PDB file of N, CA and C in Angstrom:
ATOM      1  N   MET A   1     -25.922  80.727  67.680  1.00  0.00           N
ATOM      2  CA  MET A   1     -24.727  80.784  68.469  1.00  0.00           C
ATOM      3  C   MET A   1     -24.296  82.251  68.555  1.00  0.00           C
ATOM      4  N   ALA A   2     -23.997  82.685  69.791  1.00  0.00           N
ATOM      5  CA  ALA A   2     -23.621  84.078  69.996  1.00  0.00           C
ATOM      6  C   ALA A   2     -22.155  84.272  69.667  1.00  0.00           C
ATOM      7  N   SER A   3     -21.859  85.391  69.067  1.00  0.00           N
ATOM      8  CA  SER A   3     -20.461  85.679  68.765  1.00  0.00           C
ATOM      9  C   SER A   3     -20.002  86.813  69.688  1.00  0.00           C
ATOM     10  N   TYR A   4     -18.780  86.735  70.058  1.00  0.00           N
ATOM     11  CA  TYR A   4     -18.203  87.731  70.956  1.00  0.00           C
ATOM     12  C   TYR A   4     -17.047  88.419  70.249  1.00  0.00           C
ATOM     13  N   GLN A   5     -16.875  89.670  70.619  1.00  0.00           N
ATOM     14  CA  GLN A   5     -15.770  90.412  70.026  1.00  0.00           C
ATOM     15  C   GLN A   5     -14.460  89.987  70.683  1.00  0.00           C
ATOM     16  N   LYS A   6     -13.399  90.100  69.917  1.00  0.00           N
ATOM     17  CA  LYS A   6     -12.094  89.737  70.407  1.00  0.00           C
ATOM     18  C   LYS A   6     -11.734  90.640  71.585  1.00  0.00           C
ATOM     19  N   GLY A   7     -11.276  90.030  72.700  1.00  0.00           N
ATOM     20  CA  GLY A   7     -10.883  90.790  73.884  1.00  0.00           C
ATOM     21  C   GLY A   7     -12.029  91.086  74.823  1.00  0.00           C
ATOM     22  N   ALA A   8     -13.236  90.622  74.532  1.00  0.00           N
ATOM     23  CA  ALA A   8     -14.368  90.876  75.415  1.00  0.00           C
ATOM     24  C   ALA A   8     -14.185  90.070  76.689  1.00  0.00           C
ATOM     25  N   SER A   9     -14.682  90.589  77.790  1.00  0.00           N
ATOM     26  CA  SER A   9     -14.503  89.960  79.090  1.00  0.00           C
ATOM     27  C   SER A   9     -15.850  89.684  79.720  1.00  0.00           C
ATOM     28  N   GLY A  10     -15.874  88.742  80.640  1.00  0.00           N
ATOM     29  CA  GLY A  10     -17.100  88.436  81.364  1.00  0.00           C
ATOM     30  C   GLY A  10     -17.265  89.298  82.600  1.00  0.00           C
ATOM     31  N   LEU A  11     -16.354  90.224  82.829  1.00  0.00           N
ATOM     32  CA  LEU A  11     -16.442  91.083  84.006  1.00  0.00           C
ATOM     33  C   LEU A  11     -17.507  92.149  83.787  1.00  0.00           C
ATOM     34  N   ALA A  12     -18.232  92.461  84.851  1.00  0.00           N
ATOM     35  CA  ALA A  12     -19.305  93.451  84.762  1.00  0.00           C
ATOM     36  C   ALA A  12     -18.735  94.853  84.560  1.00  0.00           C
ATOM     37  N   ASP A  13     -19.306  95.601  83.654  1.00  0.00           N
ATOM     38  CA  ASP A  13     -18.951  97.002  83.386  1.00  0.00           C
ATOM     39  C   ASP A  13     -17.484  97.161  83.028  1.00  0.00           C
ATOM     40  N   GLY A  14     -16.864  96.137  82.505  1.00  0.00           N
ATOM     41  CA  GLY A  14     -15.460  96.250  82.099  1.00  0.00           C
ATOM     42  C   GLY A  14     -14.517  96.447  83.264  1.00  0.00           C
ATOM     43  N   ALA A  15     -14.910  95.996  84.455  1.00  0.00           N
ATOM     44  CA  ALA A  15     -14.054  96.154  85.643  1.00  0.00           C
ATOM     45  C   ALA A  15     -12.723  95.447  85.405  1.00  0.00           C
ATOM     46  N   SER A  16     -11.707  96.010  85.905  1.00  0.00           N
ATOM     47  CA  SER A  16     -10.370  95.462  85.701  1.00  0.00           C
ATOM     48  C   SER A  16     -10.121  94.304  86.660  1.00  0.00           C
ATOM     49  N   ILE A  17      -9.452  93.313  86.172  1.00  0.00           N
ATOM     50  CA  ILE A  17      -9.126  92.155  87.010  1.00  0.00           C
ATOM     51  C   ILE A  17      -8.078  92.542  88.049  1.00  0.00           C
ATOM     52  N   GLN A  18      -7.283  93.553  87.758  1.00  0.00           N
ATOM     53  CA  GLN A  18      -6.249  93.995  88.684  1.00  0.00           C
ATOM     54  C   GLN A  18      -6.855  94.524  89.977  1.00  0.00           C
ATOM     55  N   ASN A  19      -8.041  95.089  89.913  1.00  0.00           N
ATOM     56  CA  ASN A  19      -8.662  95.646  91.115  1.00  0.00           C
ATOM     57  C   ASN A  19      -9.152  94.568  92.069  1.00  0.00           C
ATOM     58  N   SER A  20      -9.352  93.353  91.578  1.00  0.00           N
ATOM     59  CA  SER A  20      -9.890  92.316  92.451  1.00  0.00           C
ATOM     60  C   SER A  20      -8.819  91.728  93.365  1.00  0.00           C
ATOM     61  N   PHE A  21      -7.552  91.931  93.013  1.00  0.00           N
ATOM     62  CA  PHE A  21      -6.467  91.425  93.841  1.00  0.00           C
ATOM     63  C   PHE A  21      -5.834  92.591  94.587  1.00  0.00           C
ATOM     64  N   SER A  22      -5.833  92.494  95.892  1.00  0.00           N
ATOM     65  CA  SER A  22      -5.171  93.546  96.656  1.00  0.00           C
ATOM     66  C   SER A  22      -3.864  92.973  97.200  1.00  0.00           C
ATOM     67  N   PRO A  23      -2.832  93.797  97.261  1.00  0.00           N
ATOM     68  CA  PRO A  23      -1.559  93.281  97.772  1.00  0.00           C
ATOM     69  C   PRO A  23      -1.680  92.918  99.244  1.00  0.00           C
ATOM     70  N   ARG A  24      -1.039  91.840  99.615  1.00  0.00           N
ATOM     71  CA  ARG A  24      -1.085  91.398 101.014  1.00  0.00           C
ATOM     72  C   ARG A  24      -0.201  92.290 101.863  1.00  0.00           C
ATOM     73  N   GLN A  25      -0.609  92.408 103.097  1.00  0.00           N
ATOM     74  CA  GLN A  25       0.241  93.125 104.033  1.00  0.00           C
ATOM     75  C   GLN A  25       1.309  92.145 104.512  1.00  0.00           C
ATOM     76  N   VAL A  26       2.513  92.607 104.600  1.00  0.00           N
ATOM     77  CA  VAL A  26       3.611  91.755 105.013  1.00  0.00           C
ATOM     78  C   VAL A  26       3.506  91.516 106.506  1.00  0.00           C
ATOM     79  N   GLN A  27       3.485  90.222 106.872  1.00  0.00           N
ATOM     80  CA  GLN A  27       3.409  89.880 108.285  1.00  0.00           C
ATOM     81  C   GLN A  27       4.820  89.730 108.837  1.00  0.00           C
ATOM     82  N   SER A  28       4.959  90.113 110.072  1.00  0.00           N
ATOM     83  CA  SER A  28       6.284  89.962 110.680  1.00  0.00           C
ATOM     84  C   SER A  28       6.511  88.484 111.005  1.00  0.00           C
ATOM     85  N   ARG A  29       7.745  88.049 110.859  1.00  0.00           N
ATOM     86  CA  ARG A  29       8.103  86.652 111.105  1.00  0.00           C
ATOM     87  C   ARG A  29       8.571  86.492 112.547  1.00  0.00           C
ATOM     88  N   THR A  30       8.261  85.349 113.108  1.00  0.00           N
ATOM     89  CA  THR A  30       8.696  85.040 114.457  1.00  0.00           C
ATOM     90  C   THR A  30       9.946  84.174 114.380  1.00  0.00           C
ATOM     91  N   PRO A  31      11.048  84.607 114.960  1.00  0.00           N
ATOM     92  CA  PRO A  31      12.252  83.775 114.922  1.00  0.00           C
ATOM     93  C   PRO A  31      12.057  82.531 115.797  1.00  0.00           C
ATOM     94  N   VAL A  32      12.415  81.390 115.259  1.00  0.00           N
ATOM     95  CA  VAL A  32      12.199  80.138 115.991  1.00  0.00           C
ATOM     96  C   VAL A  32      13.509  79.443 116.349  1.00  0.00           C
ATOM     97  N   VAL A  33      14.599  80.149 116.242  1.00  0.00           N
ATOM     98  CA  VAL A  33      15.904  79.542 116.527  1.00  0.00           C
ATOM     99  C   VAL A  33      15.954  79.031 117.967  1.00  0.00           C
ATOM    100  N   ASP A  34      15.474  79.836 118.916  1.00  0.00           N
ATOM    101  CA  ASP A  34      15.496  79.419 120.317  1.00  0.00           C
ATOM    102  C   ASP A  34      14.595  78.221 120.556  1.00  0.00           C
ATOM    103  N   VAL A  35      13.468  78.185 119.892  1.00  0.00           N
ATOM    104  CA  VAL A  35      12.537  77.066 120.054  1.00  0.00           C
ATOM    105  C   VAL A  35      13.154  75.780 119.514  1.00  0.00           C
ATOM    106  N   VAL A  36      13.810  75.867 118.364  1.00  0.00           N
ATOM    107  CA  VAL A  36      14.441  74.691 117.772  1.00  0.00           C
ATOM    108  C   VAL A  36      15.572  74.189 118.660  1.00  0.00           C
ATOM    109  N   LYS A  37      16.359  75.095 119.226  1.00  0.00           N
ATOM    110  CA  LYS A  37      17.434  74.696 120.130  1.00  0.00           C
ATOM    111  C   LYS A  37      16.883  74.002 121.370  1.00  0.00           C
ATOM    112  N   ALA A  38      15.769  74.486 121.908  1.00  0.00           N
ATOM    113  CA  ALA A  38      15.164  73.866 123.086  1.00  0.00           C
ATOM    114  C   ALA A  38      14.673  72.457 122.766  1.00  0.00           C
ATOM    115  N   ILE A  39      14.071  72.284 121.609  1.00  0.00           N
ATOM    116  CA  ILE A  39      13.595  70.953 121.209  1.00  0.00           C
ATOM    117  C   ILE A  39      14.772  70.003 121.015  1.00  0.00           C
ATOM    118  N   ASP A  40      15.834  70.487 120.361  1.00  0.00           N
ATOM    119  CA  ASP A  40      17.013  69.646 120.141  1.00  0.00           C
ATOM    120  C   ASP A  40      17.690  69.267 121.446  1.00  0.00           C
ATOM    121  N   SER A  41      17.680  70.158 122.428  1.00  0.00           N
ATOM    122  CA  SER A  41      18.328  69.842 123.697  1.00  0.00           C
ATOM    123  C   SER A  41      17.556  68.772 124.473  1.00  0.00           C
ATOM    124  N   ARG A  42      16.247  68.671 124.254  1.00  0.00           N
ATOM    125  CA  ARG A  42      15.441  67.646 124.939  1.00  0.00           C
ATOM    126  C   ARG A  42      15.535  66.291 124.264  1.00  0.00           C
ATOM    127  N   ARG A  43      16.021  66.264 123.043  1.00  0.00           N
ATOM    128  CA  ARG A  43      16.119  65.006 122.315  1.00  0.00           C
ATOM    129  C   ARG A  43      17.085  64.064 122.998  1.00  0.00           C
ATOM    130  N   GLN A  44      16.706  62.811 123.067  1.00  0.00           N
ATOM    131  CA  GLN A  44      17.569  61.801 123.661  1.00  0.00           C
ATOM    132  C   GLN A  44      18.427  61.189 122.571  1.00  0.00           C
ATOM    133  N   PRO A  45      19.675  60.878 122.895  1.00  0.00           N
ATOM    134  CA  PRO A  45      20.512  60.245 121.871  1.00  0.00           C
ATOM    135  C   PRO A  45      19.948  58.885 121.498  1.00  0.00           C
ATOM    136  N   GLN A  46      20.018  58.582 120.218  1.00  0.00           N
ATOM    137  CA  GLN A  46      19.480  57.308 119.757  1.00  0.00           C
ATOM    138  C   GLN A  46      20.449  56.196 120.096  1.00  0.00           C
ATOM    139  N   LYS A  47      19.893  55.080 120.534  1.00  0.00           N
ATOM    140  CA  LYS A  47      20.706  53.925 120.866  1.00  0.00           C
ATOM    141  C   LYS A  47      21.125  53.220 119.588  1.00  0.00           C
ATOM    142  N   ALA A  48      22.285  52.619 119.642  1.00  0.00           N
ATOM    143  CA  ALA A  48      22.761  51.866 118.489  1.00  0.00           C
ATOM    144  C   ALA A  48      21.880  50.630 118.317  1.00  0.00           C
ATOM    145  N   PRO A  49      21.546  50.289 117.091  1.00  0.00           N
ATOM    146  CA  PRO A  49      20.693  49.119 116.888  1.00  0.00           C
ATOM    147  C   PRO A  49      21.410  47.844 117.335  1.00  0.00           C
ATOM    148  N   VAL A  50      20.645  46.986 117.958  1.00  0.00           N
ATOM    149  CA  VAL A  50      21.184  45.722 118.452  1.00  0.00           C
ATOM    150  C   VAL A  50      21.153  44.712 117.313  1.00  0.00           C
ATOM    151  N   ALA A  51      22.284  44.087 117.097  1.00  0.00           N
ATOM    152  CA  ALA A  51      22.354  43.082 116.040  1.00  0.00           C
ATOM    153  C   ALA A  51      21.584  41.842 116.485  1.00  0.00           C
ATOM    154  N   LYS A  52      20.739  41.363 115.609  1.00  0.00           N
ATOM    155  CA  LYS A  52      19.956  40.175 115.928  1.00  0.00           C
ATOM    156  C   LYS A  52      20.826  38.937 115.758  1.00  0.00           C
ATOM    157  N   ARG A  53      20.711  38.043 116.678  1.00  0.00           N
ATOM    158  CA  ARG A  53      21.446  36.791 116.571  1.00  0.00           C
ATOM    159  C   ARG A  53      20.603  35.810 115.791  1.00  0.00           C
ATOM    160  N   ARG A  54      21.197  35.284 114.751  1.00  0.00           N
ATOM    161  CA  ARG A  54      20.490  34.322 113.918  1.00  0.00           C
ATOM    162  C   ARG A  54      21.156  32.965 114.079  1.00  0.00           C
ATOM    163  N   PRO A  55      20.373  31.932 114.152  1.00  0.00           N
ATOM    164  CA  PRO A  55      20.972  30.598 114.234  1.00  0.00           C
ATOM    165  C   PRO A  55      21.655  30.234 112.914  1.00  0.00           C
ATOM    166  N   LYS A  56      22.719  29.433 113.020  1.00  0.00           N
ATOM    167  CA  LYS A  56      23.444  28.993 111.837  1.00  0.00           C
ATOM    168  C   LYS A  56      23.072  27.552 111.529  1.00  0.00           C
ATOM    169  N   LYS A  57      23.047  27.249 110.272  1.00  0.00           N
ATOM    170  CA  LYS A  57      22.758  25.887 109.832  1.00  0.00           C
ATOM    171  C   LYS A  57      24.107  25.180 109.648  1.00  0.00           C
ATOM    172  N   ILE A  58      24.338  24.119 110.444  1.00  0.00           N
ATOM    173  CA  ILE A  58      25.613  23.402 110.441  1.00  0.00           C
ATOM    174  C   ILE A  58      25.396  21.997 109.890  1.00  0.00           C
ATOM    175  N   LEU A  59      26.300  21.576 109.037  1.00  0.00           N
ATOM    176  CA  LEU A  59      26.240  20.229 108.476  1.00  0.00           C
ATOM    177  C   LEU A  59      27.072  19.290 109.349  1.00  0.00           C
ATOM    178  N   LEU A  60      26.431  18.263 109.884  1.00  0.00           N
ATOM    179  CA  LEU A  60      27.152  17.241 110.658  1.00  0.00           C
ATOM    180  C   LEU A  60      27.645  16.172 109.709  1.00  0.00           C
ATOM    181  N   LYS A  61      28.901  15.786 109.906  1.00  0.00           N
ATOM    182  CA  LYS A  61      29.493  14.750 109.056  1.00  0.00           C
ATOM    183  C   LYS A  61      29.957  13.591 109.927  1.00  0.00           C
ATOM    184  N   ASP A  62      30.006  12.410 109.351  1.00  0.00           N
ATOM    185  CA  ASP A  62      30.507  11.255 110.098  1.00  0.00           C
ATOM    186  C   ASP A  62      32.039  11.230 110.038  1.00  0.00           C
ATOM    187  N   ASP A  63      32.641  10.161 110.561  1.00  0.00           N
ATOM    188  CA  ASP A  63      34.097  10.057 110.624  1.00  0.00           C
ATOM    189  C   ASP A  63      34.758  10.057 109.249  1.00  0.00           C
ATOM    190  N   PHE A  64      34.030   9.676 108.235  1.00  0.00           N
ATOM    191  CA  PHE A  64      34.594   9.591 106.895  1.00  0.00           C
ATOM    192  C   PHE A  64      34.330  10.849 106.060  1.00  0.00           C
ATOM    193  N   GLY A  65      33.640  11.859 106.650  1.00  0.00           N
ATOM    194  CA  GLY A  65      33.365  13.109 105.939  1.00  0.00           C
ATOM    195  C   GLY A  65      32.077  13.097 105.147  1.00  0.00           C
ATOM    196  N   ASP A  66      31.304  12.015 105.303  1.00  0.00           N
ATOM    197  CA  ASP A  66      30.021  11.957 104.611  1.00  0.00           C
ATOM    198  C   ASP A  66      28.979  12.732 105.419  1.00  0.00           C
ATOM    199  N   PRO A  67      28.107  13.497 104.749  1.00  0.00           N
ATOM    200  CA  PRO A  67      27.100  14.276 105.487  1.00  0.00           C
ATOM    201  C   PRO A  67      26.072  13.361 106.154  1.00  0.00           C
ATOM    202  N   ILE A  68      25.723  13.717 107.382  1.00  0.00           N
ATOM    203  CA  ILE A  68      24.706  12.965 108.118  1.00  0.00           C
ATOM    204  C   ILE A  68      23.397  13.755 108.132  1.00  0.00           C
ATOM    205  N   ARG A  69      23.456  14.972 108.680  1.00  0.00           N
ATOM    206  CA  ARG A  69      22.240  15.789 108.763  1.00  0.00           C
ATOM    207  C   ARG A  69      22.620  17.248 109.027  1.00  0.00           C
ATOM    208  N   TRP A  70      21.648  18.114 108.828  1.00  0.00           N
ATOM    209  CA  TRP A  70      21.803  19.533 109.121  1.00  0.00           C
ATOM    210  C   TRP A  70      21.220  19.815 110.497  1.00  0.00           C
ATOM    211  N   VAL A  71      21.897  20.611 111.285  1.00  0.00           N
ATOM    212  CA  VAL A  71      21.384  21.048 112.611  1.00  0.00           C
ATOM    213  C   VAL A  71      21.494  22.560 112.698  1.00  0.00           C
ATOM    214  N   TRP A  72      20.654  23.149 113.527  1.00  0.00           N
ATOM    215  CA  TRP A  72      20.695  24.595 113.752  1.00  0.00           C
ATOM    216  C   TRP A  72      21.466  24.850 115.041  1.00  0.00           C
ATOM    217  N   GLN A  73      22.414  25.779 114.991  1.00  0.00           N
ATOM    218  CA  GLN A  73      23.218  26.112 116.161  1.00  0.00           C
ATOM    219  C   GLN A  73      23.116  27.616 116.394  1.00  0.00           C
ATOM    220  N   ASP A  74      22.863  27.977 117.683  1.00  0.00           N
ATOM    221  CA  ASP A  74      22.797  29.396 118.011  1.00  0.00           C
ATOM    222  C   ASP A  74      24.166  30.012 117.833  1.00  0.00           C
ATOM    223  N   SER A  75      24.207  31.156 117.163  1.00  0.00           N
ATOM    224  CA  SER A  75      25.489  31.806 116.953  1.00  0.00           C
ATOM    225  C   SER A  75      25.824  32.639 118.182  1.00  0.00           C
ATOM    226  N   LYS A  76      27.025  32.569 118.606  1.00  0.00           N
ATOM    227  CA  LYS A  76      27.507  33.344 119.743  1.00  0.00           C
ATOM    228  C   LYS A  76      28.415  34.433 119.187  1.00  0.00           C
ATOM    229  N   ALA A  77      27.926  35.655 119.225  1.00  0.00           N
ATOM    230  CA  ALA A  77      28.702  36.761 118.659  1.00  0.00           C
ATOM    231  C   ALA A  77      29.788  37.100 119.608  1.00  0.00           C
TER     232      ALA A  77
END
């Protein structure tokens, strides 16, 4: 098994790791405020969601108040 000295590196000829990274050149930014405003102006207003009508389950009773049967009735909002 090979032993290595403390602090030894795998870089060739002791090259510094700092040299392998070069600072990036700062790129100029493009302002997009006008583009965002144009997109927002084309947006259509969202419609309010339509409430779904659900049928109601109604209990039919006879003259004495005894239950006869259940029926479904369309709800009229």
